[in-house]
């Protein structure tokens, strides 16, 4: 049929709906591709910033009466962070962090294992979120705090328990 004036209105609405859906799918695919490119470019920058924040935090632990260490024994994509308290009843927790491009796998002594996924928003900004927990977008500062608080809380708790 070539004369559109003869086509029922509801058919024309269906055609417009189909075109809108196709345009939405194309736009979503474009935005998804842009987010993936941003992830590839920016995830290593996020990781470096996270490592810097962890290092600064470890260096600051004596302020709250704790000790710590920071090392990269297996190369730039691996970090080991340790928190300890020397006393009559010493306590220690550590975490090994492995960066693999879009997530950080964390395993450690006395804190368990968990994953932090690095996510790209449609505008290209990166954030992190802990897998298996309610979504909470975290920047490198907040991610470092999350990692360190698990260890600090354990050391403080176990020191208090040992003294009780």
C-alpha atoms as a PDB file:
ATOM      1  CA  UNK A   1       0.000   0.000   0.000  1.00  0.00           C
ATOM      2  CA  UNK A   2       1.530   3.301  -1.049  1.00  0.00           C
ATOM      3  CA  UNK A   3      -1.106   5.835  -0.036  1.00  0.00           C
ATOM      4  CA  UNK A   4      -0.548   6.557   3.679  1.00  0.00           C
ATOM      5  CA  UNK A   5      -3.806   8.451   3.930  1.00  0.00           C
ATOM      6  CA  UNK A   6      -5.608   5.111   3.595  1.00  0.00           C
ATOM      7  CA  UNK A   7      -3.587   3.425   6.378  1.00  0.00           C
ATOM      8  CA  UNK A   8      -5.551   3.165   9.654  1.00  0.00           C
ATOM      9  CA  UNK A   9      -4.345   5.537  12.376  1.00  0.00           C
ATOM     10  CA  UNK A  10      -3.645   2.718  14.823  1.00  0.00           C
ATOM     11  CA  UNK A  11      -1.244   1.132  12.298  1.00  0.00           C
ATOM     12  CA  UNK A  12       0.607   4.443  12.006  1.00  0.00           C
ATOM     13  CA  UNK A  13       0.804   4.638  15.849  1.00  0.00           C
ATOM     14  CA  UNK A  14       2.231   1.119  15.916  1.00  0.00           C
ATOM     15  CA  UNK A  15       4.798   2.118  13.292  1.00  0.00           C
ATOM     16  CA  UNK A  16       5.837   5.181  15.382  1.00  0.00           C
ATOM     17  CA  UNK A  17       6.078   3.014  18.517  1.00  0.00           C
ATOM     18  CA  UNK A  18       8.315   0.524  16.703  1.00  0.00           C
ATOM     19  CA  UNK A  19      10.528   3.337  15.433  1.00  0.00           C
ATOM     20  CA  UNK A  20      10.769   4.826  18.959  1.00  0.00           C
ATOM     21  CA  UNK A  21      11.742   1.445  20.398  1.00  0.00           C
ATOM     22  CA  UNK A  22      14.402   0.947  17.729  1.00  0.00           C
ATOM     23  CA  UNK A  23      15.800   4.418  18.377  1.00  0.00           C
ATOM     24  CA  UNK A  24      15.841   3.738  22.124  1.00  0.00           C
ATOM     25  CA  UNK A  25      17.696   0.460  21.589  1.00  0.00           C
ATOM     26  CA  UNK A  26      20.264   2.161  19.350  1.00  0.00           C
ATOM     27  CA  UNK A  27      20.737   4.965  21.897  1.00  0.00           C
ATOM     28  CA  UNK A  28      21.113   2.448  24.729  1.00  0.00           C
ATOM     29  CA  UNK A  29      23.691   0.483  22.705  1.00  0.00           C
ATOM     30  CA  UNK A  30      25.617   3.692  21.951  1.00  0.00           C
ATOM     31  CA  UNK A  31      25.589   4.757  25.612  1.00  0.00           C
ATOM     32  CA  UNK A  32      26.619   1.262  26.698  1.00  0.00           C
ATOM     33  CA  UNK A  33      29.538   1.297  24.242  1.00  0.00           C
ATOM     34  CA  UNK A  34      30.610   4.729  25.530  1.00  0.00           C
ATOM     35  CA  UNK A  35      30.424   3.495  29.133  1.00  0.00           C
ATOM     36  CA  UNK A  36      32.566   0.459  28.255  1.00  0.00           C
ATOM     37  CA  UNK A  37      35.169   2.704  26.602  1.00  0.00           C
ATOM     38  CA  UNK A  38      35.160   4.964  29.665  1.00  0.00           C
ATOM     39  CA  UNK A  39      35.628   1.894  31.847  1.00  0.00           C
ATOM     40  CA  UNK A  40      38.624   0.706  29.836  1.00  0.00           C
ATOM     41  CA  UNK A  41      40.230   4.157  29.958  1.00  0.00           C
ATOM     42  CA  UNK A  42      39.353   5.217  33.483  1.00  0.00           C
ATOM     43  CA  UNK A  43      39.292   2.010  35.587  1.00  0.00           C
ATOM     44  CA  UNK A  44      43.112   1.969  35.900  1.00  0.00           C
ATOM     45  CA  UNK A  45      42.944   5.607  37.071  1.00  0.00           C
ATOM     46  CA  UNK A  46      40.287   4.662  39.654  1.00  0.00           C
ATOM     47  CA  UNK A  47      42.514   1.772  40.833  1.00  0.00           C
ATOM     48  CA  UNK A  48      45.552   4.037  41.171  1.00  0.00           C
ATOM     49  CA  UNK A  49      43.520   6.578  43.122  1.00  0.00           C
ATOM     50  CA  UNK A  50      42.176   3.809  45.368  1.00  0.00           C
ATOM     51  CA  UNK A  51      45.715   2.568  46.049  1.00  0.00           C
ATOM     52  CA  UNK A  52      46.842   6.120  46.864  1.00  0.00           C
ATOM     53  CA  UNK A  53      43.927   6.537  49.310  1.00  0.00           C
ATOM     54  CA  UNK A  54      44.710   3.195  50.957  1.00  0.00           C
ATOM     55  CA  UNK A  55      48.366   4.157  51.357  1.00  0.00           C
ATOM     56  CA  UNK A  56      47.475   7.507  52.940  1.00  0.00           C
ATOM     57  CA  UNK A  57      45.030   5.769  55.279  1.00  0.00           C
ATOM     58  CA  UNK A  58      47.644   3.211  56.356  1.00  0.00           C
ATOM     59  CA  UNK A  59      50.107   6.020  57.046  1.00  0.00           C
ATOM     60  CA  UNK A  60      47.431   7.738  59.173  1.00  0.00           C
ATOM     61  CA  UNK A  61      46.606   4.728  61.376  1.00  0.00           C
ATOM     62  CA  UNK A  62      48.980   5.726  64.228  1.00  0.00           C
ATOM     63  CA  UNK A  63      46.692   8.709  64.838  1.00  0.00           C
ATOM     64  CA  UNK A  64      44.085   6.265  66.152  1.00  0.00           C
ATOM     65  CA  UNK A  65      46.590   4.011  67.928  1.00  0.00           C
ATOM     66  CA  UNK A  66      46.930   1.362  65.235  1.00  0.00           C
ATOM     67  CA  UNK A  67      49.748   0.213  62.971  1.00  0.00           C
ATOM     68  CA  UNK A  68      49.579  -0.727  59.349  1.00  0.00           C
ATOM     69  CA  UNK A  69      51.489  -1.710  56.271  1.00  0.00           C
ATOM     70  CA  UNK A  70      50.952  -1.307  52.553  1.00  0.00           C
ATOM     71  CA  UNK A  71      52.753  -3.312  49.874  1.00  0.00           C
ATOM     72  CA  UNK A  72      52.438  -4.523  46.301  1.00  0.00           C
ATOM     73  CA  UNK A  73      54.188  -7.899  46.478  1.00  0.00           C
ATOM     74  CA  UNK A  74      52.762  -9.256  43.233  1.00  0.00           C
ATOM     75  CA  UNK A  75      52.916  -6.176  41.018  1.00  0.00           C
ATOM     76  CA  UNK A  76      50.828  -3.099  40.275  1.00  0.00           C
ATOM     77  CA  UNK A  77      47.480  -4.946  40.150  1.00  0.00           C
ATOM     78  CA  UNK A  78      47.856  -6.396  43.640  1.00  0.00           C
ATOM     79  CA  UNK A  79      47.978  -4.643  46.997  1.00  0.00           C
ATOM     80  CA  UNK A  80      48.268  -6.038  50.515  1.00  0.00           C
ATOM     81  CA  UNK A  81      47.063  -3.829  53.347  1.00  0.00           C
ATOM     82  CA  UNK A  82      47.475  -4.760  56.993  1.00  0.00           C
ATOM     83  CA  UNK A  83      46.089  -3.231  60.184  1.00  0.00           C
ATOM     84  CA  UNK A  84      47.378  -4.266  63.604  1.00  0.00           C
ATOM     85  CA  UNK A  85      47.521  -3.303  67.216  1.00  0.00           C
ATOM     86  CA  UNK A  86      50.489  -4.284  69.321  1.00  0.00           C
ATOM     87  CA  UNK A  87      49.523  -4.971  72.918  1.00  0.00           C
ATOM     88  CA  UNK A  88      49.471  -7.809  75.410  1.00  0.00           C
ATOM     89  CA  UNK A  89      46.803  -9.281  73.153  1.00  0.00           C
ATOM     90  CA  UNK A  90      47.912  -8.337  69.615  1.00  0.00           C
ATOM     91  CA  UNK A  91      45.364  -8.236  66.854  1.00  0.00           C
ATOM     92  CA  UNK A  92      45.832  -8.179  63.098  1.00  0.00           C
ATOM     93  CA  UNK A  93      43.719  -8.087  59.954  1.00  0.00           C
ATOM     94  CA  UNK A  94      44.875  -7.860  56.373  1.00  0.00           C
ATOM     95  CA  UNK A  95      43.408  -7.665  52.929  1.00  0.00           C
ATOM     96  CA  UNK A  96      44.807  -8.691  49.567  1.00  0.00           C
ATOM     97  CA  UNK A  97      43.276  -6.679  46.757  1.00  0.00           C
ATOM     98  CA  UNK A  98      43.490  -7.843  43.152  1.00  0.00           C
ATOM     99  CA  UNK A  99      42.459  -5.462  40.347  1.00  0.00           C
ATOM    100  CA  UNK A 100      41.389  -7.126  37.088  1.00  0.00           C
ATOM    101  CA  UNK A 101      40.079  -4.252  34.993  1.00  0.00           C
ATOM    102  CA  UNK A 102      36.509  -3.868  36.192  1.00  0.00           C
ATOM    103  CA  UNK A 103      36.539  -5.237  39.709  1.00  0.00           C
ATOM    104  CA  UNK A 104      38.673  -5.547  42.806  1.00  0.00           C
ATOM    105  CA  UNK A 105      38.649  -8.935  44.520  1.00  0.00           C
ATOM    106  CA  UNK A 106      39.381  -8.658  48.223  1.00  0.00           C
ATOM    107  CA  UNK A 107      40.412 -11.518  50.462  1.00  0.00           C
ATOM    108  CA  UNK A 108      41.855 -11.232  53.882  1.00  0.00           C
ATOM    109  CA  UNK A 109      42.704 -12.491  57.293  1.00  0.00           C
ATOM    110  CA  UNK A 110      39.826 -12.033  59.736  1.00  0.00           C
ATOM    111  CA  UNK A 111      37.657 -10.049  57.293  1.00  0.00           C
ATOM    112  CA  UNK A 112      36.486 -12.605  54.724  1.00  0.00           C
ATOM    113  CA  UNK A 113      36.254 -12.225  50.973  1.00  0.00           C
ATOM    114  CA  UNK A 114      34.225  -9.797  48.875  1.00  0.00           C
ATOM    115  CA  UNK A 115      34.237  -8.122  45.469  1.00  0.00           C
ATOM    116  CA  UNK A 116      34.063  -4.468  44.588  1.00  0.00           C
ATOM    117  CA  UNK A 117      32.807  -3.817  41.076  1.00  0.00           C
ATOM    118  CA  UNK A 118      33.874  -0.674  39.233  1.00  0.00           C
ATOM    119  CA  UNK A 119      30.981   0.791  37.272  1.00  0.00           C
ATOM    120  CA  UNK A 120      30.721   3.430  34.571  1.00  0.00           C
ATOM    121  CA  UNK A 121      27.759   5.770  34.436  1.00  0.00           C
ATOM    122  CA  UNK A 122      26.310   6.952  31.148  1.00  0.00           C
ATOM    123  CA  UNK A 123      28.237  10.218  31.507  1.00  0.00           C
ATOM    124  CA  UNK A 124      31.529   8.320  31.820  1.00  0.00           C
ATOM    125  CA  UNK A 125      32.126   8.794  35.548  1.00  0.00           C
ATOM    126  CA  UNK A 126      33.300   5.757  37.485  1.00  0.00           C
ATOM    127  CA  UNK A 127      32.201   4.557  40.874  1.00  0.00           C
ATOM    128  CA  UNK A 128      32.501   1.341  42.838  1.00  0.00           C
ATOM    129  CA  UNK A 129      29.959  -0.861  44.549  1.00  0.00           C
ATOM    130  CA  UNK A 130      30.277  -3.938  46.747  1.00  0.00           C
ATOM    131  CA  UNK A 131      28.857  -7.020  45.038  1.00  0.00           C
ATOM    132  CA  UNK A 132      26.038  -8.646  46.994  1.00  0.00           C
ATOM    133  CA  UNK A 133      25.190  -5.572  49.050  1.00  0.00           C
ATOM    134  CA  UNK A 134      22.576  -2.892  48.388  1.00  0.00           C
ATOM    135  CA  UNK A 135      23.916  -0.579  45.694  1.00  0.00           C
ATOM    136  CA  UNK A 136      25.880   2.348  47.005  1.00  0.00           C
ATOM    137  CA  UNK A 137      28.080   4.214  44.540  1.00  0.00           C
ATOM    138  CA  UNK A 138      31.487   4.947  46.070  1.00  0.00           C
ATOM    139  CA  UNK A 139      34.340   7.121  44.862  1.00  0.00           C
ATOM    140  CA  UNK A 140      37.970   6.054  45.600  1.00  0.00           C
ATOM    141  CA  UNK A 141      37.915   7.785  49.032  1.00  0.00           C
ATOM    142  CA  UNK A 142      34.738   5.993  50.074  1.00  0.00           C
ATOM    143  CA  UNK A 143      35.981   2.682  48.664  1.00  0.00           C
ATOM    144  CA  UNK A 144      39.222   2.969  50.642  1.00  0.00           C
ATOM    145  CA  UNK A 145      37.214   3.772  53.772  1.00  0.00           C
ATOM    146  CA  UNK A 146      35.010   0.717  53.222  1.00  0.00           C
ATOM    147  CA  UNK A 147      38.063  -1.552  52.849  1.00  0.00           C
ATOM    148  CA  UNK A 148      39.971  -0.082  55.782  1.00  0.00           C
ATOM    149  CA  UNK A 149      36.978   0.117  58.167  1.00  0.00           C
ATOM    150  CA  UNK A 150      36.477  -3.654  57.945  1.00  0.00           C
ATOM    151  CA  UNK A 151      40.028  -4.211  59.186  1.00  0.00           C
ATOM    152  CA  UNK A 152      40.110  -1.358  61.704  1.00  0.00           C
ATOM    153  CA  UNK A 153      36.794  -2.440  63.223  1.00  0.00           C
ATOM    154  CA  UNK A 154      37.992  -6.033  63.528  1.00  0.00           C
ATOM    155  CA  UNK A 155      41.277  -5.030  65.204  1.00  0.00           C
ATOM    156  CA  UNK A 156      39.532  -2.656  67.599  1.00  0.00           C
ATOM    157  CA  UNK A 157      36.847  -5.234  68.437  1.00  0.00           C
ATOM    158  CA  UNK A 158      39.289  -8.081  69.008  1.00  0.00           C
ATOM    159  CA  UNK A 159      41.562  -5.890  71.142  1.00  0.00           C
ATOM    160  CA  UNK A 160      38.646  -4.846  73.359  1.00  0.00           C
ATOM    161  CA  UNK A 161      37.422  -8.448  73.593  1.00  0.00           C
ATOM    162  CA  UNK A 162      40.898  -9.659  74.598  1.00  0.00           C
ATOM    163  CA  UNK A 163      41.115  -7.008  77.318  1.00  0.00           C
ATOM    164  CA  UNK A 164      37.650  -7.779  78.746  1.00  0.00           C
END
